[in-house]
């Protein structure tokens, strides 16, 4: 299994909960949104840039529990501080592959 890149952030206001952003994992068919994870609510879609603008970096001590939870779920994680343009492009490429696979499946069903 390959490593999954993760960026841990914390809310600036309220409970200051930590959350994980997976900049390479799409959460929509176009790759506009990445996958995110939080203790409460768990997996969801996230606007990477919006989340970065509204949060602060989490320290290893702050995200330790969330890291353990994700590893228990089977993730092999590579922690980073920020996403690169290449990570965002990979997310969009994966989403395009999903769209292509979905189209092939529809065409195959229509041919039956």
N, C-alpha and C. Protein backbone atom coordinates (compact mmCIF):
# COMPACT_ATOMS: atom_id res chain seq x y z
N UNK A 1 0.85 -1.19 0.00
CA UNK A 1 0.00 0.00 0.00
C UNK A 1 0.89 1.24 0.00
N UNK A 2 0.51 2.24 -0.75
CA UNK A 2 1.32 3.45 -0.84
C UNK A 2 0.96 4.44 0.27
N UNK A 3 1.87 5.37 0.47
CA UNK A 3 1.63 6.40 1.47
C UNK A 3 0.61 7.42 0.98
N UNK A 4 -0.15 7.93 1.91
CA UNK A 4 -1.13 8.98 1.63
C UNK A 4 -0.62 10.26 2.27
N UNK A 5 -0.52 11.30 1.47
CA UNK A 5 -0.07 12.60 1.99
C UNK A 5 -1.19 13.25 2.79
N UNK A 6 -0.84 13.74 3.97
CA UNK A 6 -1.82 14.37 4.86
C UNK A 6 -1.25 15.67 5.41
N UNK A 7 -2.12 16.64 5.59
CA UNK A 7 -1.76 17.92 6.19
C UNK A 7 -2.71 18.14 7.36
N UNK A 8 -2.16 18.29 8.55
CA UNK A 8 -2.97 18.48 9.75
C UNK A 8 -3.11 19.97 10.05
N UNK A 9 -4.33 20.38 10.29
CA UNK A 9 -4.64 21.77 10.61
C UNK A 9 -5.53 21.81 11.85
N UNK A 10 -5.69 22.99 12.44
CA UNK A 10 -6.60 23.16 13.58
C UNK A 10 -7.43 24.41 13.34
N UNK A 11 -8.68 24.33 13.79
CA UNK A 11 -9.58 25.47 13.67
C UNK A 11 -9.01 26.65 14.45
N UNK A 12 -9.22 27.83 13.94
CA UNK A 12 -8.76 29.04 14.63
C UNK A 12 -9.70 29.46 15.75
N UNK A 13 -10.96 29.10 15.62
CA UNK A 13 -11.96 29.54 16.58
C UNK A 13 -12.70 28.33 17.13
N UNK A 14 -13.54 28.57 18.08
CA UNK A 14 -14.36 27.48 18.62
C UNK A 14 -13.54 26.47 19.39
N UNK A 15 -13.74 25.20 19.05
CA UNK A 15 -13.10 24.11 19.78
C UNK A 15 -11.63 23.94 19.44
N UNK A 16 -11.19 24.55 18.36
CA UNK A 16 -9.82 24.43 17.88
C UNK A 16 -9.48 22.96 17.59
N UNK A 17 -10.46 22.24 17.04
CA UNK A 17 -10.27 20.84 16.69
C UNK A 17 -9.29 20.70 15.54
N UNK A 18 -8.57 19.59 15.56
CA UNK A 18 -7.67 19.27 14.45
C UNK A 18 -8.45 18.54 13.37
N UNK A 19 -8.01 18.73 12.15
CA UNK A 19 -8.57 17.98 11.03
C UNK A 19 -7.45 17.67 10.05
N UNK A 20 -7.68 16.68 9.23
CA UNK A 20 -6.70 16.23 8.26
C UNK A 20 -7.18 16.55 6.86
N UNK A 21 -6.29 17.09 6.05
CA UNK A 21 -6.57 17.32 4.64
C UNK A 21 -5.72 16.36 3.82
N UNK A 22 -6.34 15.72 2.84
CA UNK A 22 -5.65 14.81 1.94
C UNK A 22 -5.62 15.48 0.56
N UNK A 23 -4.58 16.28 0.28
CA UNK A 23 -4.60 17.10 -0.93
C UNK A 23 -4.60 16.32 -2.24
N UNK A 24 -4.21 15.06 -2.22
CA UNK A 24 -4.18 14.27 -3.45
C UNK A 24 -5.43 13.41 -3.65
N UNK A 25 -6.31 13.36 -2.65
CA UNK A 25 -7.49 12.51 -2.74
C UNK A 25 -8.72 13.33 -3.11
N UNK A 26 -9.27 13.14 -4.32
CA UNK A 26 -10.45 13.91 -4.72
C UNK A 26 -11.70 13.46 -3.97
N UNK A 27 -12.61 14.42 -3.83
CA UNK A 27 -13.88 14.11 -3.19
C UNK A 27 -15.05 14.48 -4.10
N UNK A 28 -14.73 14.82 -5.33
CA UNK A 28 -15.76 15.09 -6.32
C UNK A 28 -15.22 14.66 -7.68
N UNK A 29 -16.08 14.61 -8.66
CA UNK A 29 -15.68 14.05 -9.96
C UNK A 29 -14.72 14.93 -10.76
N UNK A 30 -14.53 16.18 -10.34
CA UNK A 30 -13.61 17.07 -11.05
C UNK A 30 -12.34 17.35 -10.27
N UNK A 31 -12.27 16.90 -9.03
CA UNK A 31 -11.08 17.14 -8.22
C UNK A 31 -10.99 18.55 -7.68
N UNK A 32 -12.12 19.26 -7.65
CA UNK A 32 -12.12 20.61 -7.07
C UNK A 32 -11.97 20.56 -5.56
N UNK A 33 -12.51 19.51 -4.95
CA UNK A 33 -12.45 19.36 -3.50
C UNK A 33 -11.58 18.17 -3.14
N UNK A 34 -10.85 18.31 -2.05
CA UNK A 34 -10.05 17.20 -1.56
C UNK A 34 -10.82 16.50 -0.44
N UNK A 35 -10.33 15.34 -0.07
CA UNK A 35 -10.93 14.61 1.05
C UNK A 35 -10.34 15.17 2.35
N UNK A 36 -11.18 15.25 3.37
CA UNK A 36 -10.76 15.69 4.70
C UNK A 36 -11.28 14.68 5.72
N UNK A 37 -10.76 14.76 6.93
CA UNK A 37 -11.17 13.85 8.00
C UNK A 37 -11.07 14.58 9.33
N UNK A 38 -12.06 14.35 10.17
CA UNK A 38 -12.08 14.92 11.52
C UNK A 38 -12.70 13.89 12.44
N UNK A 39 -12.33 13.92 13.73
CA UNK A 39 -12.89 12.96 14.68
C UNK A 39 -14.41 12.87 14.55
N UNK A 40 -15.07 14.00 14.67
CA UNK A 40 -16.53 14.05 14.57
C UNK A 40 -16.88 14.34 13.11
N UNK A 41 -17.68 13.48 12.52
CA UNK A 41 -18.05 13.68 11.13
C UNK A 41 -17.23 12.83 10.19
N UNK A 42 -16.01 12.56 10.55
CA UNK A 42 -15.07 11.73 9.81
C UNK A 42 -14.84 12.23 8.40
N UNK A 43 -14.95 11.40 7.37
CA UNK A 43 -14.61 11.81 6.00
C UNK A 43 -15.62 12.81 5.44
N UNK A 44 -15.10 13.79 4.71
CA UNK A 44 -15.95 14.77 4.04
C UNK A 44 -15.16 15.44 2.92
N UNK A 45 -15.86 16.25 2.14
CA UNK A 45 -15.21 17.05 1.11
C UNK A 45 -14.74 18.37 1.71
N UNK A 46 -13.62 18.89 1.18
CA UNK A 46 -13.09 20.14 1.70
C UNK A 46 -12.50 20.99 0.57
N UNK A 47 -12.72 22.28 0.67
CA UNK A 47 -12.05 23.23 -0.20
C UNK A 47 -10.68 23.48 0.42
N UNK A 48 -9.64 22.93 -0.17
CA UNK A 48 -8.30 23.00 0.41
C UNK A 48 -7.92 24.44 0.76
N UNK A 49 -8.05 25.34 -0.21
CA UNK A 49 -7.61 26.72 0.02
C UNK A 49 -8.45 27.43 1.08
N UNK A 50 -9.74 27.15 1.11
CA UNK A 50 -10.60 27.73 2.14
C UNK A 50 -10.22 27.23 3.53
N UNK A 51 -9.94 25.94 3.62
CA UNK A 51 -9.54 25.37 4.91
C UNK A 51 -8.22 25.96 5.39
N UNK A 52 -7.27 26.12 4.48
CA UNK A 52 -5.98 26.69 4.85
C UNK A 52 -6.16 28.13 5.33
N UNK A 53 -7.01 28.89 4.64
CA UNK A 53 -7.23 30.29 5.00
C UNK A 53 -7.90 30.45 6.36
N UNK A 54 -8.70 29.46 6.76
CA UNK A 54 -9.48 29.59 7.99
C UNK A 54 -8.92 28.76 9.15
N UNK A 55 -7.68 28.27 9.02
CA UNK A 55 -7.12 27.41 10.06
C UNK A 55 -5.63 27.71 10.24
N UNK A 56 -5.06 27.07 11.25
CA UNK A 56 -3.63 27.19 11.53
C UNK A 56 -3.01 25.80 11.48
N UNK A 57 -1.68 25.73 11.24
CA UNK A 57 -1.03 24.42 11.28
C UNK A 57 -1.17 23.80 12.67
N UNK A 58 -1.37 22.51 12.71
CA UNK A 58 -1.44 21.79 13.99
C UNK A 58 -0.07 21.21 14.30
N UNK A 59 0.29 21.24 15.55
CA UNK A 59 1.58 20.67 15.97
C UNK A 59 1.43 19.15 16.12
N UNK A 60 2.56 18.42 16.11
CA UNK A 60 2.47 16.97 16.30
C UNK A 60 1.72 16.57 17.57
N UNK A 61 1.89 17.32 18.64
CA UNK A 61 1.17 17.01 19.87
C UNK A 61 -0.33 17.21 19.70
N UNK A 62 -0.72 18.23 18.93
CA UNK A 62 -2.13 18.52 18.73
C UNK A 62 -2.82 17.49 17.83
N UNK A 63 -2.11 16.97 16.84
CA UNK A 63 -2.75 16.02 15.92
C UNK A 63 -2.44 14.56 16.22
N UNK A 64 -1.74 14.28 17.31
CA UNK A 64 -1.33 12.90 17.62
C UNK A 64 -2.52 11.93 17.67
N UNK A 65 -3.61 12.31 18.34
CA UNK A 65 -4.78 11.42 18.45
C UNK A 65 -5.41 11.18 17.08
N UNK A 66 -5.49 12.21 16.26
CA UNK A 66 -6.09 12.08 14.94
C UNK A 66 -5.20 11.20 14.05
N UNK A 67 -3.90 11.36 14.15
CA UNK A 67 -2.96 10.53 13.41
C UNK A 67 -3.15 9.06 13.76
N UNK A 68 -3.25 8.77 15.05
CA UNK A 68 -3.46 7.38 15.50
C UNK A 68 -4.78 6.83 14.97
N UNK A 69 -5.83 7.64 15.01
CA UNK A 69 -7.14 7.21 14.52
C UNK A 69 -7.07 6.85 13.03
N UNK A 70 -6.40 7.70 12.26
CA UNK A 70 -6.28 7.44 10.82
C UNK A 70 -5.45 6.19 10.54
N UNK A 71 -4.39 5.99 11.30
CA UNK A 71 -3.57 4.79 11.12
C UNK A 71 -4.35 3.54 11.49
N UNK A 72 -5.21 3.62 12.51
CA UNK A 72 -6.06 2.47 12.86
C UNK A 72 -7.04 2.16 11.74
N UNK A 73 -7.40 3.16 10.96
CA UNK A 73 -8.31 2.97 9.82
C UNK A 73 -7.59 2.42 8.60
N UNK A 74 -6.27 2.24 8.70
CA UNK A 74 -5.52 1.62 7.62
C UNK A 74 -4.67 2.56 6.79
N UNK A 75 -4.70 3.84 7.09
CA UNK A 75 -3.88 4.79 6.34
C UNK A 75 -2.40 4.61 6.68
N UNK A 76 -1.56 4.70 5.68
CA UNK A 76 -0.11 4.83 5.85
C UNK A 76 0.19 6.26 5.44
N UNK A 77 0.54 7.10 6.41
CA UNK A 77 0.55 8.54 6.19
C UNK A 77 1.95 9.13 6.05
N UNK A 78 2.02 10.14 5.22
CA UNK A 78 3.21 10.97 5.07
C UNK A 78 2.76 12.39 5.41
N UNK A 79 3.18 12.89 6.56
CA UNK A 79 2.72 14.20 7.04
C UNK A 79 3.53 15.31 6.37
N UNK A 80 2.81 16.29 5.85
CA UNK A 80 3.43 17.46 5.21
C UNK A 80 2.84 18.72 5.83
N UNK A 81 3.53 19.83 5.62
CA UNK A 81 3.05 21.13 6.13
C UNK A 81 2.12 21.82 5.15
N UNK A 82 2.35 21.61 3.83
CA UNK A 82 1.52 22.28 2.82
C UNK A 82 1.49 21.43 1.56
N UNK A 83 0.50 21.68 0.74
CA UNK A 83 0.37 20.96 -0.53
C UNK A 83 1.13 21.70 -1.62
N UNK A 84 1.65 20.95 -2.55
CA UNK A 84 2.34 21.52 -3.70
C UNK A 84 1.38 21.57 -4.89
N UNK A 85 1.69 22.34 -5.91
CA UNK A 85 0.86 22.33 -7.12
C UNK A 85 0.75 20.92 -7.73
N UNK A 86 1.81 20.14 -7.62
CA UNK A 86 1.79 18.77 -8.15
C UNK A 86 0.76 17.90 -7.42
N UNK A 87 0.59 18.12 -6.14
CA UNK A 87 -0.41 17.36 -5.37
C UNK A 87 -1.82 17.69 -5.84
N UNK A 88 -2.08 18.96 -6.08
CA UNK A 88 -3.40 19.38 -6.56
C UNK A 88 -3.65 18.83 -7.97
N UNK A 89 -2.62 18.82 -8.80
CA UNK A 89 -2.77 18.28 -10.15
C UNK A 89 -3.03 16.78 -10.11
N UNK A 90 -2.37 16.07 -9.20
CA UNK A 90 -2.61 14.64 -9.06
C UNK A 90 -4.07 14.39 -8.68
N UNK A 91 -4.62 15.20 -7.77
CA UNK A 91 -6.03 15.06 -7.37
C UNK A 91 -6.95 15.24 -8.57
N UNK A 92 -6.68 16.24 -9.39
CA UNK A 92 -7.51 16.46 -10.58
C UNK A 92 -7.36 15.32 -11.59
N UNK A 93 -6.15 14.78 -11.71
CA UNK A 93 -5.91 13.66 -12.63
C UNK A 93 -6.66 12.40 -12.17
N UNK A 94 -6.63 12.13 -10.88
CA UNK A 94 -7.36 10.97 -10.34
C UNK A 94 -8.86 11.14 -10.59
N UNK A 95 -9.38 12.33 -10.38
CA UNK A 95 -10.80 12.59 -10.62
C UNK A 95 -11.14 12.37 -12.09
N UNK A 96 -10.26 12.79 -12.99
CA UNK A 96 -10.49 12.57 -14.42
C UNK A 96 -10.51 11.08 -14.74
N UNK A 97 -9.66 10.31 -14.09
CA UNK A 97 -9.66 8.85 -14.28
C UNK A 97 -10.98 8.26 -13.80
N UNK A 98 -11.50 8.77 -12.69
CA UNK A 98 -12.80 8.30 -12.19
C UNK A 98 -13.89 8.58 -13.22
N UNK A 99 -13.87 9.81 -13.78
CA UNK A 99 -14.88 10.16 -14.78
C UNK A 99 -14.79 9.23 -15.98
N UNK A 100 -13.57 8.95 -16.43
CA UNK A 100 -13.37 8.05 -17.57
C UNK A 100 -13.88 6.65 -17.28
N UNK A 101 -13.61 6.14 -16.09
CA UNK A 101 -14.08 4.81 -15.72
C UNK A 101 -15.60 4.77 -15.63
N UNK A 102 -16.20 5.84 -15.09
CA UNK A 102 -17.66 5.90 -14.99
C UNK A 102 -18.29 5.93 -16.38
N UNK A 103 -17.67 6.66 -17.29
CA UNK A 103 -18.20 6.75 -18.66
C UNK A 103 -18.11 5.39 -19.35
N UNK A 104 -16.99 4.70 -19.18
CA UNK A 104 -16.82 3.37 -19.77
C UNK A 104 -17.89 2.41 -19.24
N UNK A 105 -18.15 2.50 -17.95
CA UNK A 105 -19.16 1.62 -17.34
C UNK A 105 -20.55 1.92 -17.92
N UNK A 106 -20.87 3.21 -18.09
CA UNK A 106 -22.17 3.58 -18.68
C UNK A 106 -22.29 3.09 -20.11
N UNK A 107 -21.22 3.21 -20.87
CA UNK A 107 -21.23 2.76 -22.26
C UNK A 107 -21.40 1.24 -22.34
N UNK A 108 -20.74 0.53 -21.44
CA UNK A 108 -20.84 -0.92 -21.42
C UNK A 108 -22.26 -1.35 -21.06
N UNK A 109 -22.88 -0.64 -20.11
CA UNK A 109 -24.25 -0.97 -19.72
C UNK A 109 -25.22 -0.68 -20.86
N UNK A 110 -25.00 0.39 -21.59
CA UNK A 110 -25.88 0.76 -22.70
C UNK A 110 -25.77 -0.22 -23.86
N UNK A 111 -24.60 -0.84 -24.01
CA UNK A 111 -24.37 -1.77 -25.11
C UNK A 111 -25.03 -3.13 -24.87
N UNK A 112 -25.43 -3.41 -23.65
CA UNK A 112 -26.03 -4.71 -23.32
C UNK A 112 -27.40 -4.83 -23.83
